[in-house]
Protein backbone atom coordinates (compact mmCIF):
# COMPACT_ATOMS: atom_id res chain seq x y z
CA UNK A 1 33.49 -6.23 96.41
CA UNK A 2 37.26 -5.65 96.21
CA UNK A 3 38.79 -2.52 94.68
CA UNK A 4 40.00 -4.64 91.74
CA UNK A 5 36.48 -5.94 91.14
CA UNK A 6 35.04 -2.44 91.32
CA UNK A 7 37.53 -1.20 88.77
CA UNK A 8 36.85 -4.15 86.44
CA UNK A 9 33.13 -3.50 86.67
CA UNK A 10 33.59 0.24 86.03
CA UNK A 11 35.71 -0.50 82.97
CA UNK A 12 33.11 -2.93 81.64
CA UNK A 13 30.39 -0.31 82.17
CA UNK A 14 32.59 2.30 80.43
CA UNK A 15 33.11 0.08 77.35
CA UNK A 16 29.33 -0.46 77.17
CA UNK A 17 28.75 3.30 77.29
CA UNK A 18 31.34 3.91 74.59
CA UNK A 19 29.84 1.18 72.28
CA UNK A 20 26.35 2.74 72.52
CA UNK A 21 27.65 6.20 71.63
CA UNK A 22 29.79 4.83 68.80
CA UNK A 23 26.71 3.19 67.26
CA UNK A 24 25.43 6.69 66.50
CA UNK A 25 28.64 8.09 65.09
CA UNK A 26 29.19 7.38 61.38
CA UNK A 27 32.79 6.66 60.32
CA UNK A 28 35.05 9.60 59.55
CA UNK A 29 33.00 12.23 61.34
CA UNK A 30 34.22 15.31 63.19
CA UNK A 31 33.52 14.91 66.85
CA UNK A 32 33.82 17.18 69.91
CA UNK A 33 33.79 15.45 73.32
CA UNK A 34 32.94 17.73 76.25
CA UNK A 35 34.19 16.87 79.68
CA UNK A 36 36.30 14.24 77.97
CA UNK A 37 38.34 13.12 81.03
CA UNK A 38 41.51 11.37 79.87
CA UNK A 39 40.24 11.04 76.33
CA UNK A 40 39.36 7.37 76.34
CA UNK A 41 36.07 7.86 74.55
CA UNK A 42 37.65 9.82 71.69
CA UNK A 43 40.42 7.26 71.47
CA UNK A 44 37.76 4.54 71.24
CA UNK A 45 35.91 6.46 68.56
CA UNK A 46 39.10 6.99 66.60
CA UNK A 47 39.99 3.30 66.75
CA UNK A 48 36.47 2.05 65.88
CA UNK A 49 35.00 4.88 63.76
CA UNK A 50 38.09 6.70 62.44
CA UNK A 51 36.76 10.02 63.74
CA UNK A 52 38.67 13.29 63.87
CA UNK A 53 38.06 15.68 66.64
CA UNK A 54 38.88 17.32 69.97
CA UNK A 55 38.29 16.77 73.62
CA UNK A 56 37.49 19.58 75.99
CA UNK A 57 38.55 19.24 79.62
CA UNK A 58 39.25 21.61 82.53
CA UNK A 59 41.17 19.23 84.85
CA UNK A 60 44.93 19.40 84.36
CA UNK A 61 45.65 15.77 85.17
CA UNK A 62 42.91 14.65 82.75
CA UNK A 63 44.38 16.83 80.03
CA UNK A 64 47.71 15.08 80.52
CA UNK A 65 45.85 11.81 80.29
CA UNK A 66 44.45 12.89 76.88
CA UNK A 67 47.95 13.65 75.69
CA UNK A 68 49.09 10.15 76.80
CA UNK A 69 46.08 8.68 74.89
CA UNK A 70 47.03 10.56 71.76
CA UNK A 71 43.89 12.75 71.89
CA UNK A 72 43.85 16.41 70.79
CA UNK A 73 42.51 18.31 73.81
CA UNK A 74 41.69 21.87 74.71
CA UNK A 75 41.80 22.91 78.37
CA UNK A 76 38.76 25.13 78.95
CA UNK A 77 35.72 25.50 81.12
CA UNK A 78 32.64 24.43 79.10
CA UNK A 79 30.43 26.19 81.70
CA UNK A 80 31.62 29.42 80.06
CA UNK A 81 30.37 28.32 76.60
CA UNK A 82 32.02 27.17 73.41
CA UNK A 83 32.78 30.61 71.90
CA UNK A 84 36.08 29.29 70.51
CA UNK A 85 34.18 27.11 68.05
CA UNK A 86 32.26 28.32 65.01
CA UNK A 87 28.74 27.25 64.18
CA UNK A 88 28.51 23.72 62.70
CA UNK A 89 32.20 23.05 63.28
CA UNK A 90 31.46 19.35 64.03
CA UNK A 91 29.14 16.60 62.95
CA UNK A 92 28.58 15.39 66.51
CA UNK A 93 29.25 16.80 69.98
CA UNK A 94 29.17 14.40 72.89
CA UNK A 95 28.76 14.82 76.63
CA UNK A 96 28.98 11.41 78.25
CA UNK A 97 27.78 11.14 81.87
CA UNK A 98 28.95 14.63 82.68
CA UNK A 99 25.85 16.88 82.15
CA UNK A 100 24.83 16.21 85.76
CA UNK A 101 28.05 17.76 86.94
CA UNK A 102 27.33 21.02 85.10
CA UNK A 103 25.64 24.14 86.53
CA UNK A 104 24.73 25.82 83.20
CA UNK A 105 22.71 22.96 81.71
CA UNK A 106 20.57 24.96 79.31
CA UNK A 107 23.50 26.97 77.99
CA UNK A 108 25.55 23.80 77.39
CA UNK A 109 22.80 22.11 75.45
CA UNK A 110 22.24 25.23 73.31
CA UNK A 111 25.98 25.52 72.58
CA UNK A 112 26.23 21.83 71.70
CA UNK A 113 23.59 22.27 69.01
CA UNK A 114 25.24 25.47 67.75
CA UNK A 115 28.65 23.94 67.10
CA UNK A 116 27.40 20.55 65.83
CA UNK A 117 24.67 19.15 63.67
CA UNK A 118 23.71 16.57 66.28
CA UNK A 119 24.36 16.12 70.00
CA UNK A 120 24.75 12.87 71.96
CA UNK A 121 24.05 12.98 75.71
CA UNK A 122 24.17 10.22 78.28
CA UNK A 123 23.39 10.53 82.00
CA UNK A 124 22.32 8.45 85.01
CA UNK A 125 18.54 8.50 85.57
CA UNK A 126 17.91 9.57 89.17
CA UNK A 127 14.34 8.14 89.00
CA UNK A 128 15.56 4.54 88.45
CA UNK A 129 13.66 2.14 90.68
CA UNK A 130 16.62 1.30 92.97
CA UNK A 131 17.34 4.99 93.43
CA UNK A 132 13.70 5.58 94.41
CA UNK A 133 13.94 2.73 96.88
CA UNK A 134 17.02 4.25 98.48
CA UNK A 135 15.25 7.59 98.85
CA UNK A 136 12.18 5.82 100.33
CA UNK A 137 14.46 4.28 102.90
CA UNK A 138 15.85 7.73 103.76
CA UNK A 139 19.25 7.45 102.10
CA UNK A 140 20.88 9.01 99.09
CA UNK A 141 21.31 6.38 96.35
CA UNK A 142 24.66 4.85 95.45
CA UNK A 143 24.78 2.59 92.42
CA UNK A 144 26.93 1.66 89.43
CA UNK A 145 25.65 4.71 87.55
CA UNK A 146 25.62 6.96 90.64
CA UNK A 147 28.73 5.58 92.33
CA UNK A 148 29.54 8.45 94.76
CA UNK A 149 28.56 9.01 98.32
CA UNK A 150 26.57 12.17 98.97
CA UNK A 151 29.57 13.92 100.56
CA UNK A 152 32.07 13.48 97.67
CA UNK A 153 29.86 13.42 94.58
CA UNK A 154 30.79 15.71 91.68
CA UNK A 155 27.13 15.75 90.62
CA UNK A 156 25.31 19.07 91.07
CA UNK A 157 22.11 18.18 89.09
CA UNK A 158 19.96 15.17 89.99
CA UNK A 159 17.46 14.81 87.15
CA UNK A 160 15.39 12.13 85.54
CA UNK A 161 14.53 10.98 82.01
CA UNK A 162 11.19 12.76 82.36
CA UNK A 163 12.92 15.99 83.53
CA UNK A 164 15.37 15.93 80.67
CA UNK A 165 12.70 15.40 78.03
CA UNK A 166 10.66 18.26 79.53
CA UNK A 167 13.73 20.53 79.27
CA UNK A 168 14.34 19.56 75.62
CA UNK A 169 10.70 20.41 74.83
CA UNK A 170 11.03 23.77 76.55
CA UNK A 171 14.27 24.58 74.69
CA UNK A 172 12.88 23.46 71.33
CA UNK A 173 15.34 20.58 71.02
CA UNK A 174 14.34 17.58 68.94
CA UNK A 175 14.85 14.17 70.49
CA UNK A 176 15.81 11.98 67.58
CA UNK A 177 16.43 8.79 69.47
CA UNK A 178 16.50 7.56 73.07
CA UNK A 179 17.90 4.39 74.56
CA UNK A 180 17.62 3.42 78.21
CA UNK A 181 19.35 0.51 79.98
CA UNK A 182 19.01 -1.03 83.42
CA UNK A 183 21.98 -1.57 85.70
CA UNK A 184 22.66 -5.00 84.13
CA UNK A 185 23.04 -3.37 80.70
CA UNK A 186 19.68 -4.61 79.32
CA UNK A 187 17.80 -2.23 77.06
CA UNK A 188 14.43 -1.25 78.56
CA UNK A 189 11.38 0.11 76.73
CA UNK A 190 8.66 -0.29 79.39
CA UNK A 191 8.54 2.87 81.52
CA UNK A 192 12.20 3.80 81.07
CA UNK A 193 11.90 6.58 83.69
CA UNK A 194 11.30 3.83 86.26
CA UNK A 195 13.23 0.95 84.75
CA UNK A 196 16.20 2.69 83.13
CA UNK A 197 19.40 3.36 85.07
CA UNK A 198 21.30 5.00 82.24
CA UNK A 199 19.86 7.07 79.39
CA UNK A 200 21.30 8.00 75.98
CA UNK A 201 19.95 10.64 73.60
CA UNK A 202 20.52 11.80 70.08
CA UNK A 203 19.48 15.43 69.87
CA UNK A 204 19.05 17.93 67.01
CA UNK A 205 17.67 21.32 66.20
CA UNK A 206 14.03 21.44 65.24
CA UNK A 207 13.47 22.73 61.72
């Protein structure tokens, strides 16, 4: 596959990711996007859902990308918490395919549901069947949703759908909706921990 083909496929996958998240965001909401990169998700949500909100990003070049994309961005380390935001400041807070790059997973999830009514999380499922096959063959998996080689990956947490749901139960987080898709973008309902490459969750506080 050429570099151009890889980029085209990555952009197609990104648009798919954005569309799933947007389906859970009602028009006109206040949204906070954590680890927002260059702000393309927030720009997409603004264009399709007329949202207002902020991105949070630590990387300087990505912050400049947000500015170029017309996205309001705060440069800060979300690993240190979200103390700059008051309780229930937002309707939704999103972390899209970045939770696996974080060290303070429990803290981040708790902070997300402090500053927003509902959280949206997406992440690659390490237990997907092709990932299991790679491990069985003695190699670290590389796929569309885990595209990095072991020596240059930004990921520091390799977890599964089952692991994430166990953590939510332990933290008293309500799973309001879950969607899982295979690497062709097809929704899966049969054993998503085996058949789902990418998982999306709507989370809330239990009453």
